[in-house]
PDB file of N, CA and C in Angstrom:
ATOM      1  N   MET A   1      23.739 100.482  87.256  1.00  0.00           N
ATOM      2  CA  MET A   1      24.689 101.165  86.426  1.00  0.00           C
ATOM      3  C   MET A   1      25.835 101.736  87.250  1.00  0.00           C
ATOM      4  N   ARG A   2      25.508 102.234  88.383  1.00  0.00           N
ATOM      5  CA  ARG A   2      26.526 102.761  89.262  1.00  0.00           C
ATOM      6  C   ARG A   2      27.506 101.667  89.659  1.00  0.00           C
ATOM      7  N   LEU A   3      27.009 100.497  89.912  1.00  0.00           N
ATOM      8  CA  LEU A   3      27.826  99.354  90.291  1.00  0.00           C
ATOM      9  C   LEU A   3      28.760  98.965  89.145  1.00  0.00           C
ATOM     10  N   GLU A   4      28.240  99.028  87.938  1.00  0.00           N
ATOM     11  CA  GLU A   4      29.053  98.702  86.770  1.00  0.00           C
ATOM     12  C   GLU A   4      30.187  99.713  86.602  1.00  0.00           C
ATOM     13  N   LEU A   5      29.919 100.993  86.843  1.00  0.00           N
ATOM     14  CA  LEU A   5      30.957 102.028  86.756  1.00  0.00           C
ATOM     15  C   LEU A   5      32.031 101.814  87.814  1.00  0.00           C
ATOM     16  N   LYS A   6      31.598 101.456  89.009  1.00  0.00           N
ATOM     17  CA  LYS A   6      32.564 101.210  90.080  1.00  0.00           C
ATOM     18  C   LYS A   6      33.413  99.984  89.760  1.00  0.00           C
ATOM     19  N   GLU A   7      32.768  98.956  89.211  1.00  0.00           N
ATOM     20  CA  GLU A   7      33.518  97.756  88.840  1.00  0.00           C
ATOM     21  C   GLU A   7      34.506  98.068  87.723  1.00  0.00           C
ATOM     22  N   ALA A   8      34.098  98.880  86.766  1.00  0.00           N
ATOM     23  CA  ALA A   8      34.987  99.273  85.668  1.00  0.00           C
ATOM     24  C   ALA A   8      36.152 100.104  86.202  1.00  0.00           C
ATOM     25  N   GLU A   9      35.843 101.004  87.134  1.00  0.00           N
ATOM     26  CA  GLU A   9      36.895 101.827  87.738  1.00  0.00           C
ATOM     27  C   GLU A   9      37.865 100.961  88.526  1.00  0.00           C
ATOM     28  N   VAL A  10      37.347  99.995  89.278  1.00  0.00           N
ATOM     29  CA  VAL A  10      38.198  99.077  90.041  1.00  0.00           C
ATOM     30  C   VAL A  10      39.076  98.278  89.090  1.00  0.00           C
ATOM     31  N   CYS A  11      38.488  97.806  88.015  1.00  0.00           N
ATOM     32  CA  CYS A  11      39.246  97.040  87.015  1.00  0.00           C
ATOM     33  C   CYS A  11      40.350  97.904  86.406  1.00  0.00           C
ATOM     34  N   HIS A  12      40.010  99.144  86.077  1.00  0.00           N
ATOM     35  CA  HIS A  12      41.000 100.067  85.514  1.00  0.00           C
ATOM     36  C   HIS A  12      42.135 100.328  86.513  1.00  0.00           C
ATOM     37  N   LEU A  13      41.785 100.554  87.767  1.00  0.00           N
ATOM     38  CA  LEU A  13      42.806 100.804  88.793  1.00  0.00           C
ATOM     39  C   LEU A  13      43.705  99.583  88.985  1.00  0.00           C
ATOM     40  N   LYS A  14      43.120  98.388  88.908  1.00  0.00           N
ATOM     41  CA  LYS A  14      43.925  97.163  89.013  1.00  0.00           C
ATOM     42  C   LYS A  14      44.928  97.073  87.864  1.00  0.00           C
ATOM     43  N   GLU A  15      44.480  97.438  86.659  1.00  0.00           N
ATOM     44  CA  GLU A  15      45.380  97.431  85.501  1.00  0.00           C
ATOM     45  C   GLU A  15      46.509  98.445  85.677  1.00  0.00           C
ATOM     46  N   VAL A  16      46.153  99.627  86.170  1.00  0.00           N
ATOM     47  CA  VAL A  16      47.172 100.667  86.406  1.00  0.00           C
ATOM     48  C   VAL A  16      48.189 100.177  87.427  1.00  0.00           C
ATOM     49  N   ILE A  17      47.702  99.597  88.518  1.00  0.00           N
ATOM     50  CA  ILE A  17      48.601  99.076  89.563  1.00  0.00           C
ATOM     51  C   ILE A  17      49.476  97.962  89.003  1.00  0.00           C
ATOM     52  N   SER A  18      48.892  97.100  88.191  1.00  0.00           N
ATOM     53  CA  SER A  18      49.653  96.011  87.580  1.00  0.00           C
ATOM     54  C   SER A  18      50.766  96.562  86.690  1.00  0.00           C
ATOM     55  N   ARG A  19      50.447  97.581  85.868  1.00  0.00           N
ATOM     56  CA  ARG A  19      51.465  98.199  85.008  1.00  0.00           C
ATOM     57  C   ARG A  19      52.557  98.871  85.833  1.00  0.00           C
ATOM     58  N   LEU A  20      52.154  99.521  86.919  1.00  0.00           N
ATOM     59  CA  LEU A  20      53.142 100.165  87.794  1.00  0.00           C
ATOM     60  C   LEU A  20      54.072  99.123  88.418  1.00  0.00           C
ATOM     61  N   ASN A  21      53.500  97.998  88.828  1.00  0.00           N
ATOM     62  CA  ASN A  21      54.333  96.932  89.392  1.00  0.00           C
ATOM     63  C   ASN A  21      55.320  96.391  88.364  1.00  0.00           C
ATOM     64  N   ILE A  22      54.844  96.232  87.122  1.00  0.00           N
ATOM     65  CA  ILE A  22      55.736  95.763  86.054  1.00  0.00           C
ATOM     66  C   ILE A  22      56.849  96.781  85.829  1.00  0.00           C
ATOM     67  N   ASP A  23      56.493  98.069  85.803  1.00  0.00           N
ATOM     68  CA  ASP A  23      57.502  99.120  85.635  1.00  0.00           C
ATOM     69  C   ASP A  23      58.515  99.090  86.774  1.00  0.00           C
ATOM     70  N   LEU A  24      58.020  98.925  87.992  1.00  0.00           N
ATOM     71  CA  LEU A  24      58.926  98.867  89.145  1.00  0.00           C
ATOM     72  C   LEU A  24      59.845  97.655  89.060  1.00  0.00           C
ATOM     73  N   ASP A  25      59.293  96.509  88.651  1.00  0.00           N
ATOM     74  CA  ASP A  25      60.118  95.311  88.491  1.00  0.00           C
ATOM     75  C   ASP A  25      61.204  95.532  87.442  1.00  0.00           C
ATOM     76  N   SER A  26      60.827  96.185  86.341  1.00  0.00           N
ATOM     77  CA  SER A  26      61.803  96.472  85.283  1.00  0.00           C
ATOM     78  C   SER A  26      62.893  97.398  85.803  1.00  0.00           C
ATOM     79  N   ARG A  27      62.499  98.403  86.552  1.00  0.00           N
ATOM     80  CA  ARG A  27      63.482  99.336  87.118  1.00  0.00           C
ATOM     81  C   ARG A  27      64.373  98.631  88.129  1.00  0.00           C
ATOM     82  N   ASP A  28      63.771  97.782  88.958  1.00  0.00           N
ATOM     83  CA  ASP A  28      64.571  97.036  89.933  1.00  0.00           C
ATOM     84  C   ASP A  28      65.586  96.146  89.225  1.00  0.00           C
ATOM     85  N   THR A  29      65.155  95.498  88.152  1.00  0.00           N
ATOM     86  CA  THR A  29      66.061  94.645  87.381  1.00  0.00           C
ATOM     87  C   THR A  29      67.208  95.476  86.812  1.00  0.00           C
ATOM     88  N   ALA A  30      66.879  96.636  86.266  1.00  0.00           N
ATOM     89  CA  ALA A  30      67.912  97.509  85.702  1.00  0.00           C
ATOM     90  C   ALA A  30      68.875  97.986  86.784  1.00  0.00           C
ATOM     91  N   VAL A  31      68.350  98.320  87.949  1.00  0.00           N
ATOM     92  CA  VAL A  31      69.202  98.773  89.054  1.00  0.00           C
ATOM     93  C   VAL A  31      70.121  97.644  89.508  1.00  0.00           C
ATOM     94  N   VAL A  32      69.580  96.443  89.627  1.00  0.00           N
ATOM     95  CA  VAL A  32      70.391  95.291  90.037  1.00  0.00           C
ATOM     96  C   VAL A  32      71.482  95.020  89.006  1.00  0.00           C
ATOM     97  N   MET A  33      71.122  95.066  87.725  1.00  0.00           N
ATOM     98  CA  MET A  33      72.112  94.831  86.669  1.00  0.00           C
ATOM     99  C   MET A  33      73.196  95.905  86.682  1.00  0.00           C
ATOM    100  N   ALA A  34      72.803  97.148  86.888  1.00  0.00           N
ATOM    101  CA  ALA A  34      73.780  98.236  86.952  1.00  0.00           C
ATOM    102  C   ALA A  34      74.702  98.059  88.150  1.00  0.00           C
ATOM    103  N   HIS A  35      74.149  97.649  89.275  1.00  0.00           N
ATOM    104  CA  HIS A  35      74.964  97.418  90.471  1.00  0.00           C
ATOM    105  C   HIS A  35      75.950  96.271  90.237  1.00  0.00           C
ATOM    106  N   GLU A  36      75.480  95.192  89.622  1.00  0.00           N
ATOM    107  CA  GLU A  36      76.369  94.067  89.332  1.00  0.00           C
ATOM    108  C   GLU A  36      77.481  94.474  88.370  1.00  0.00           C
ATOM    109  N   ALA A  37      77.143  95.298  87.373  1.00  0.00           N
ATOM    110  CA  ALA A  37      78.152  95.783  86.432  1.00  0.00           C
ATOM    111  C   ALA A  37      79.170  96.665  87.141  1.00  0.00           C
ATOM    112  N   LYS A  38      78.701  97.487  88.075  1.00  0.00           N
ATOM    113  CA  LYS A  38      79.608  98.354  88.834  1.00  0.00           C
ATOM    114  C   LYS A  38      80.559  97.521  89.685  1.00  0.00           C
ATOM    115  N   VAL A  39      80.027  96.503  90.350  1.00  0.00           N
ATOM    116  CA  VAL A  39      80.866  95.633  91.178  1.00  0.00           C
ATOM    117  C   VAL A  39      81.895  94.913  90.310  1.00  0.00           C
ATOM    118  N   ALA A  40      81.474  94.429  89.144  1.00  0.00           N
ATOM    119  CA  ALA A  40      82.402  93.748  88.236  1.00  0.00           C
ATOM    120  C   ALA A  40      83.491  94.703  87.756  1.00  0.00           C
ATOM    121  N   ALA A  41      83.120  95.938  87.448  1.00  0.00           N
ATOM    122  CA  ALA A  41      84.101  96.932  87.003  1.00  0.00           C
ATOM    123  C   ALA A  41      85.078  97.275  88.120  1.00  0.00           C
ATOM    124  N   GLU A  42      84.583  97.406  89.348  1.00  0.00           N
ATOM    125  CA  GLU A  42      85.463  97.690  90.482  1.00  0.00           C
ATOM    126  C   GLU A  42      86.426  96.534  90.728  1.00  0.00           C
ATOM    127  N   THR A  43      85.934  95.306  90.594  1.00  0.00           N
ATOM    128  CA  THR A  43      86.791  94.134  90.763  1.00  0.00           C
ATOM    129  C   THR A  43      87.870  94.099  89.686  1.00  0.00           C
ATOM    130  N   ALA A  44      87.478  94.370  88.440  1.00  0.00           N
ATOM    131  CA  ALA A  44      88.445  94.393  87.341  1.00  0.00           C
ATOM    132  C   ALA A  44      89.478  95.492  87.546  1.00  0.00           C
ATOM    133  N   LEU A  45      89.033  96.659  87.994  1.00  0.00           N
ATOM    134  CA  LEU A  45      89.953  97.763  88.262  1.00  0.00           C
ATOM    135  C   LEU A  45      90.942  97.395  89.358  1.00  0.00           C
ATOM    136  N   GLN A  46      90.459  96.768  90.423  1.00  0.00           N
ATOM    137  CA  GLN A  46      91.340  96.356  91.514  1.00  0.00           C
ATOM    138  C   GLN A  46      92.359  95.333  91.025  1.00  0.00           C
ATOM    139  N   GLN A  47      91.913  94.384  90.193  1.00  0.00           N
ATOM    140  CA  GLN A  47      92.826  93.372  89.653  1.00  0.00           C
ATOM    141  C   GLN A  47      93.895  94.024  88.781  1.00  0.00           C
ATOM    142  N   LEU A  48      93.478  94.965  87.929  1.00  0.00           N
ATOM    143  CA  LEU A  48      94.450  95.669  87.085  1.00  0.00           C
ATOM    144  C   LEU A  48      95.431  96.478  87.924  1.00  0.00           C
ATOM    145  N   THR A  49      94.931  97.127  88.964  1.00  0.00           N
ATOM    146  CA  THR A  49      95.802  97.898  89.854  1.00  0.00           C
ATOM    147  C   THR A  49      96.810  96.982  90.540  1.00  0.00           C
ATOM    148  N   ASP A  50      96.342  95.832  91.015  1.00  0.00           N
ATOM    149  CA  ASP A  50      97.250  94.866  91.644  1.00  0.00           C
ATOM    150  C   ASP A  50      98.288  94.361  90.649  1.00  0.00           C
ATOM    151  N   ASP A  51      97.844  94.061  89.421  1.00  0.00           N
ATOM    152  CA  ASP A  51      98.773  93.584  88.394  1.00  0.00           C
ATOM    153  C   ASP A  51      99.821  94.641  88.068  1.00  0.00           C
ATOM    154  N   LEU A  52      99.397  95.902  87.972  1.00  0.00           N
ATOM    155  CA  LEU A  52     100.352  96.980  87.700  1.00  0.00           C
ATOM    156  C   LEU A  52     101.347  97.144  88.839  1.00  0.00           C
ATOM    157  N   ALA A  53     100.875  97.003  90.072  1.00  0.00           N
ATOM    158  CA  ALA A  53     101.781  97.100  91.219  1.00  0.00           C
ATOM    159  C   ALA A  53     102.793  95.963  91.192  1.00  0.00           C
ATOM    160  N   THR A  54     102.334  94.763  90.851  1.00  0.00           N
ATOM    161  CA  THR A  54     103.242  93.617  90.757  1.00  0.00           C
ATOM    162  C   THR A  54     104.273  93.838  89.661  1.00  0.00           C
ATOM    163  N   LEU A  55     103.816  94.306  88.496  1.00  0.00           N
ATOM    164  CA  LEU A  55     104.750  94.575  87.401  1.00  0.00           C
ATOM    165  C   LEU A  55     105.748  95.667  87.780  1.00  0.00           C
ATOM    166  N   GLY A  56     105.271  96.694  88.464  1.00  0.00           N
ATOM    167  CA  GLY A  56     106.168  97.763  88.909  1.00  0.00           C
ATOM    168  C   GLY A  56     107.226  97.249  89.865  1.00  0.00           C
ATOM    169  N   ALA A  57     106.824  96.390  90.791  1.00  0.00           N
ATOM    170  CA  ALA A  57     107.782  95.822  91.743  1.00  0.00           C
ATOM    171  C   ALA A  57     108.793  94.942  91.024  1.00  0.00           C
ATOM    172  N   ARG A  58     108.320  94.150  90.073  1.00  0.00           N
ATOM    173  CA  ARG A  58     109.244  93.291  89.311  1.00  0.00           C
ATOM    174  C   ARG A  58     110.226  94.130  88.507  1.00  0.00           C
ATOM    175  N   LEU A  59     109.718  95.177  87.882  1.00  0.00           N
ATOM    176  CA  LEU A  59     110.589  96.045  87.094  1.00  0.00           C
ATOM    177  C   LEU A  59     111.630  96.708  87.984  1.00  0.00           C
ATOM    178  N   GLN A  60     111.211  97.182  89.145  1.00  0.00           N
ATOM    179  CA  GLN A  60     112.146  97.807  90.076  1.00  0.00           C
ATOM    180  C   GLN A  60     113.213  96.811  90.503  1.00  0.00           C
ATOM    181  N   PHE A  61     112.805  95.561  90.772  1.00  0.00           N
ATOM    182  CA  PHE A  61     113.756  94.523  91.157  1.00  0.00           C
ATOM    183  C   PHE A  61     114.745  94.261  90.025  1.00  0.00           C
ATOM    184  N   GLU A  62     114.232  94.186  88.784  1.00  0.00           N
ATOM    185  CA  GLU A  62     115.108  93.936  87.638  1.00  0.00           C
ATOM    186  C   GLU A  62     116.098  95.081  87.450  1.00  0.00           C
ATOM    187  N   VAL A  63     115.631  96.308  87.606  1.00  0.00           N
ATOM    188  CA  VAL A  63     116.526  97.462  87.466  1.00  0.00           C
ATOM    189  C   VAL A  63     117.586  97.429  88.558  1.00  0.00           C
ATOM    190  N   SER A  64     117.175  97.129  89.793  1.00  0.00           N
ATOM    191  CA  SER A  64     118.133  97.046  90.897  1.00  0.00           C
ATOM    192  C   SER A  64     119.150  95.947  90.645  1.00  0.00           C
ATOM    193  N   SER A  65     118.672  94.796  90.177  1.00  0.00           N
ATOM    194  CA  SER A  65     119.575  93.683  89.887  1.00  0.00           C
ATOM    195  C   SER A  65     120.541  94.048  88.774  1.00  0.00           C
ATOM    196  N   ALA A  66     120.035  94.721  87.749  1.00  0.00           N
ATOM    197  CA  ALA A  66     120.890  95.123  86.635  1.00  0.00           C
ATOM    198  C   ALA A  66     121.954  96.109  87.103  1.00  0.00           C
ATOM    199  N   CYS A  67     121.588  97.008  88.005  1.00  0.00           N
ATOM    200  CA  CYS A  67     122.572  97.965  88.535  1.00  0.00           C
ATOM    201  C   CYS A  67     123.665  97.237  89.304  1.00  0.00           C
ATOM    202  N   LEU A  68     123.267  96.256  90.096  1.00  0.00           N
ATOM    203  CA  LEU A  68     124.262  95.480  90.839  1.00  0.00           C
ATOM    204  C   LEU A  68     125.173  94.726  89.888  1.00  0.00           C
ATOM    205  N   LEU A  69     124.613  94.097  88.886  1.00  0.00           N
ATOM    206  CA  LEU A  69     125.420  93.345  87.929  1.00  0.00           C
ATOM    207  C   LEU A  69     126.329  94.268  87.132  1.00  0.00           C
ATOM    208  N   THR A  70     125.868  95.455  86.812  1.00  0.00           N
ATOM    209  CA  THR A  70     126.682  96.395  86.052  1.00  0.00           C
ATOM    210  C   THR A  70     127.919  96.794  86.842  1.00  0.00           C
ATOM    211  N   SER A  71     127.755  97.086  88.129  1.00  0.00           N
ATOM    212  CA  SER A  71     128.924  97.466  88.930  1.00  0.00           C
ATOM    213  C   SER A  71     129.864  96.278  89.107  1.00  0.00           C
ATOM    214  N   GLU A  72     129.313  95.070  89.279  1.00  0.00           N
ATOM    215  CA  GLU A  72     130.163  93.884  89.393  1.00  0.00           C
ATOM    216  C   GLU A  72     130.907  93.620  88.091  1.00  0.00           C
ATOM    217  N   ALA A  73     130.227  93.788  86.962  1.00  0.00           N
ATOM    218  CA  ALA A  73     130.860  93.575  85.664  1.00  0.00           C
ATOM    219  C   ALA A  73     131.962  94.611  85.433  1.00  0.00           C
ATOM    220  N   SER A  74     131.717  95.842  85.816  1.00  0.00           N
ATOM    221  CA  SER A  74     132.745  96.884  85.667  1.00  0.00           C
ATOM    222  C   SER A  74     133.950  96.576  86.534  1.00  0.00           C
ATOM    223  N   SER A  75     133.700  96.150  87.754  1.00  0.00           N
ATOM    224  CA  SER A  75     134.789  95.797  88.665  1.00  0.00           C
ATOM    225  C   SER A  75     135.603  94.635  88.116  1.00  0.00           C
ATOM    226  N   LEU A  76     134.925  93.625  87.597  1.00  0.00           N
ATOM    227  CA  LEU A  76     135.621  92.471  87.017  1.00  0.00           C
ATOM    228  C   LEU A  76     136.447  92.896  85.811  1.00  0.00           C
ATOM    229  N   ALA A  77     135.889  93.745  84.952  1.00  0.00           N
ATOM    230  CA  ALA A  77     136.622  94.218  83.775  1.00  0.00           C
ATOM    231  C   ALA A  77     137.859  95.009  84.187  1.00  0.00           C
ATOM    232  N   GLU A  78     137.736  95.837  85.212  1.00  0.00           N
ATOM    233  CA  GLU A  78     138.892  96.593  85.701  1.00  0.00           C
ATOM    234  C   GLU A  78     139.960  95.656  86.255  1.00  0.00           C
ATOM    235  N   SER A  79     139.542  94.632  86.980  1.00  0.00           N
ATOM    236  CA  SER A  79     140.501  93.663  87.534  1.00  0.00           C
ATOM    237  C   SER A  79     141.225  92.920  86.426  1.00  0.00           C
ATOM    238  N   VAL A  80     140.490  92.475  85.425  1.00  0.00           N
ATOM    239  CA  VAL A  80     141.107  91.761  84.295  1.00  0.00           C
ATOM    240  C   VAL A  80     142.066  92.688  83.560  1.00  0.00           C
ATOM    241  N   ALA A  81     141.667  93.929  83.342  1.00  0.00           N
ATOM    242  CA  ALA A  81     142.548  94.893  82.667  1.00  0.00           C
ATOM    243  C   ALA A  81     143.808  95.127  83.478  1.00  0.00           C
ATOM    244  N   SER A  82     143.674  95.212  84.796  1.00  0.00           N
ATOM    245  CA  SER A  82     144.840  95.412  85.662  1.00  0.00           C
ATOM    246  C   SER A  82     145.782  94.216  85.602  1.00  0.00           C
ATOM    247  N   ILE A  83     145.238  93.014  85.649  1.00  0.00           N
ATOM    248  CA  ILE A  83     146.062  91.796  85.574  1.00  0.00           C
ATOM    249  C   ILE A  83     146.787  91.732  84.237  1.00  0.00           C
ATOM    250  N   LEU A  84     146.076  92.029  83.146  1.00  0.00           N
ATOM    251  CA  LEU A  84     146.706  92.002  81.822  1.00  0.00           C
ATOM    252  C   LEU A  84     147.807  93.051  81.710  1.00  0.00           C
ATOM    253  N   LYS A  85     147.584  94.218  82.304  1.00  0.00           N
ATOM    254  CA  LYS A  85     148.607  95.267  82.256  1.00  0.00           C
ATOM    255  C   LYS A  85     149.846  94.842  83.033  1.00  0.00           C
ATOM    256  N   GLU A  86     149.638  94.222  84.215  1.00  0.00           N
ATOM    257  CA  GLU A  86     150.773  93.738  85.010  1.00  0.00           C
ATOM    258  C   GLU A  86     151.571  92.689  84.237  1.00  0.00           C
ATOM    259  N   ARG A  87     150.882  91.773  83.587  1.00  0.00           N
ATOM    260  CA  ARG A  87     151.572  90.728  82.811  1.00  0.00           C
ATOM    261  C   ARG A  87     152.316  91.344  81.630  1.00  0.00           C
ATOM    262  N   GLU A  88     151.676  92.318  81.000  1.00  0.00           N
ATOM    263  CA  GLU A  88     152.341  92.978  79.874  1.00  0.00           C
ATOM    264  C   GLU A  88     153.617  93.678  80.345  1.00  0.00           C
ATOM    265  N   GLU A  89     153.542  94.320  81.519  1.00  0.00           N
ATOM    266  CA  GLU A  89     154.728  94.993  82.066  1.00  0.00           C
ATOM    267  C   GLU A  89     155.816  93.982  82.405  1.00  0.00           C
ATOM    268  N   LYS A  90     155.432  92.824  82.956  1.00  0.00           N
ATOM    269  CA  LYS A  90     156.416  91.784  83.274  1.00  0.00           C
ATOM    270  C   LYS A  90     157.078  91.255  82.009  1.00  0.00           C
ATOM    271  N   VAL A  91     156.269  91.020  80.979  1.00  0.00           N
ATOM    272  CA  VAL A  91     156.823  90.529  79.706  1.00  0.00           C
ATOM    273  C   VAL A  91     157.734  91.589  79.108  1.00  0.00           C
ATOM    274  N   GLN A  92     157.318  92.833  79.183  1.00  0.00           N
ATOM    275  CA  GLN A  92     158.119  93.927  78.623  1.00  0.00           C
ATOM    276  C   GLN A  92     159.448  94.055  79.365  1.00  0.00           C
ATOM    277  N   SER A  93     159.379  93.943  80.705  1.00  0.00           N
ATOM    278  CA  SER A  93     160.625  94.055  81.477  1.00  0.00           C
ATOM    279  C   SER A  93     161.524  92.849  81.240  1.00  0.00           C
ATOM    280  N   ALA A  94     160.951  91.691  80.956  1.00  0.00           N
ATOM    281  CA  ALA A  94     161.763  90.510  80.666  1.00  0.00           C
ATOM    282  C   ALA A  94     162.481  90.681  79.334  1.00  0.00           C
ATOM    283  N   TRP A  95     161.918  91.370  78.398  1.00  0.00           N
ATOM    284  CA  TRP A  95     162.541  91.589  77.095  1.00  0.00           C
ATOM    285  C   TRP A  95     163.605  92.674  77.152  1.00  0.00           C
ATOM    286  N   ASP A  96     163.497  93.520  78.111  1.00  0.00           N
ATOM    287  CA  ASP A  96     164.469  94.622  78.198  1.00  0.00           C
ATOM    288  C   ASP A  96     165.702  94.145  78.825  1.00  0.00           C
TER     289      ASP A  96
END
Protein backbone atom coordinates (compact mmCIF):
# COMPACT_ATOMS: atom_id res chain seq x y z
CA MET A 1 0.00 0.00 0.00
CA ARG A 2 2.82 2.33 0.76
CA LEU A 3 4.25 1.67 -2.69
CA GLU A 4 0.91 2.46 -4.28
CA LEU A 5 0.75 5.81 -2.42
CA LYS A 6 4.25 6.69 -3.54
CA GLU A 7 3.41 5.75 -7.12
CA ALA A 8 0.24 7.86 -6.95
CA GLU A 9 2.22 10.77 -5.50
CA VAL A 10 4.86 10.42 -8.24
CA CYS A 11 2.12 10.33 -10.86
CA HIS A 12 0.50 13.43 -9.36
CA LEU A 13 3.83 15.28 -9.26
CA LYS A 14 4.47 14.36 -12.91
CA GLU A 15 1.07 15.82 -13.83
CA VAL A 16 1.82 19.00 -11.88
CA ILE A 17 5.22 19.34 -13.60
CA SER A 18 3.61 18.70 -16.98
CA ARG A 19 1.00 21.44 -16.34
CA LEU A 20 3.73 23.83 -15.19
CA ASN A 21 5.70 23.15 -18.36
CA ILE A 22 2.60 23.82 -20.47
CA ASP A 23 2.03 27.07 -18.56
CA LEU A 24 5.65 28.09 -19.08
CA ASP A 25 5.41 27.29 -22.80
CA SER A 26 2.26 29.40 -23.05
CA ARG A 27 3.96 32.28 -21.24
CA ASP A 28 7.04 31.96 -23.43
CA THR A 29 4.85 32.06 -26.53
CA ALA A 30 3.07 35.16 -25.23
CA VAL A 31 6.39 36.84 -24.41
CA VAL A 32 7.77 36.04 -27.87
CA MET A 33 4.61 37.36 -29.53
CA ALA A 34 4.72 40.53 -27.45
CA HIS A 35 8.38 41.05 -28.33
CA GLU A 36 7.66 40.55 -32.04
CA ALA A 37 4.77 43.03 -31.83
CA LYS A 38 7.04 45.55 -30.10
CA VAL A 39 9.71 45.17 -32.78
CA ALA A 40 7.08 45.58 -35.52
CA ALA A 41 5.71 48.70 -33.81
CA GLU A 42 9.20 50.18 -33.45
CA THR A 43 9.91 49.48 -37.13
CA ALA A 44 6.62 51.11 -38.15
CA LEU A 45 7.35 54.12 -35.94
CA GLN A 46 10.82 54.51 -37.46
CA GLN A 47 9.36 54.28 -40.98
CA LEU A 48 6.73 56.92 -40.15
CA THR A 49 9.39 59.16 -38.62
CA ASP A 50 11.56 58.80 -41.73
CA ASP A 51 8.57 59.52 -43.98
CA LEU A 52 7.70 62.63 -41.97
CA ALA A 53 11.30 63.84 -42.18
CA THR A 54 11.27 63.31 -45.95
CA LEU A 55 7.97 65.17 -46.30
CA GLY A 56 9.29 67.99 -44.13
CA ALA A 57 12.41 68.31 -46.27
CA ARG A 58 10.34 68.31 -49.46
CA LEU A 59 8.00 70.94 -48.06
CA GLN A 60 10.93 73.11 -47.00
CA PHE A 61 12.42 72.77 -50.49
CA GLU A 62 9.09 73.71 -52.09
CA VAL A 63 8.72 76.74 -49.83
CA SER A 64 12.29 77.83 -50.60
CA SER A 65 11.70 77.35 -54.32
CA ALA A 66 8.45 79.30 -54.15
CA CYS A 67 10.22 82.16 -52.36
CA LEU A 68 12.86 82.27 -55.06
CA LEU A 69 10.26 82.23 -57.82
CA THR A 70 8.22 84.93 -56.08
CA SER A 71 11.16 87.34 -55.97
CA GLU A 72 12.04 86.54 -59.60
CA ALA A 73 8.42 87.06 -60.66
CA SER A 74 8.28 90.38 -58.80
CA SER A 75 11.52 91.51 -60.41
CA LEU A 76 10.25 90.54 -63.87
CA ALA A 77 6.95 92.37 -63.27
CA GLU A 78 8.83 95.50 -62.18
CA SER A 79 11.05 95.32 -65.28
CA VAL A 80 8.05 94.94 -67.59
CA ALA A 81 6.27 97.82 -65.85
CA SER A 82 9.38 99.99 -66.22
CA ILE A 83 9.71 99.17 -69.93
CA LEU A 84 6.02 99.91 -70.53
CA LYS A 85 6.31 103.21 -68.66
CA GLU A 86 9.36 104.22 -70.75
CA ARG A 87 7.51 103.40 -73.98
CA GLU A 88 4.45 105.29 -72.80
CA GLU A 89 6.64 108.32 -72.04
CA LYS A 90 8.26 108.09 -75.49
CA VAL A 91 4.86 107.87 -77.19
CA GLN A 92 3.59 110.75 -75.08
CA SER A 93 6.61 112.90 -75.91
CA ALA A 94 6.21 112.07 -79.61
CA TRP A 95 2.63 113.37 -79.51
CA ASP A 96 3.61 116.56 -77.78
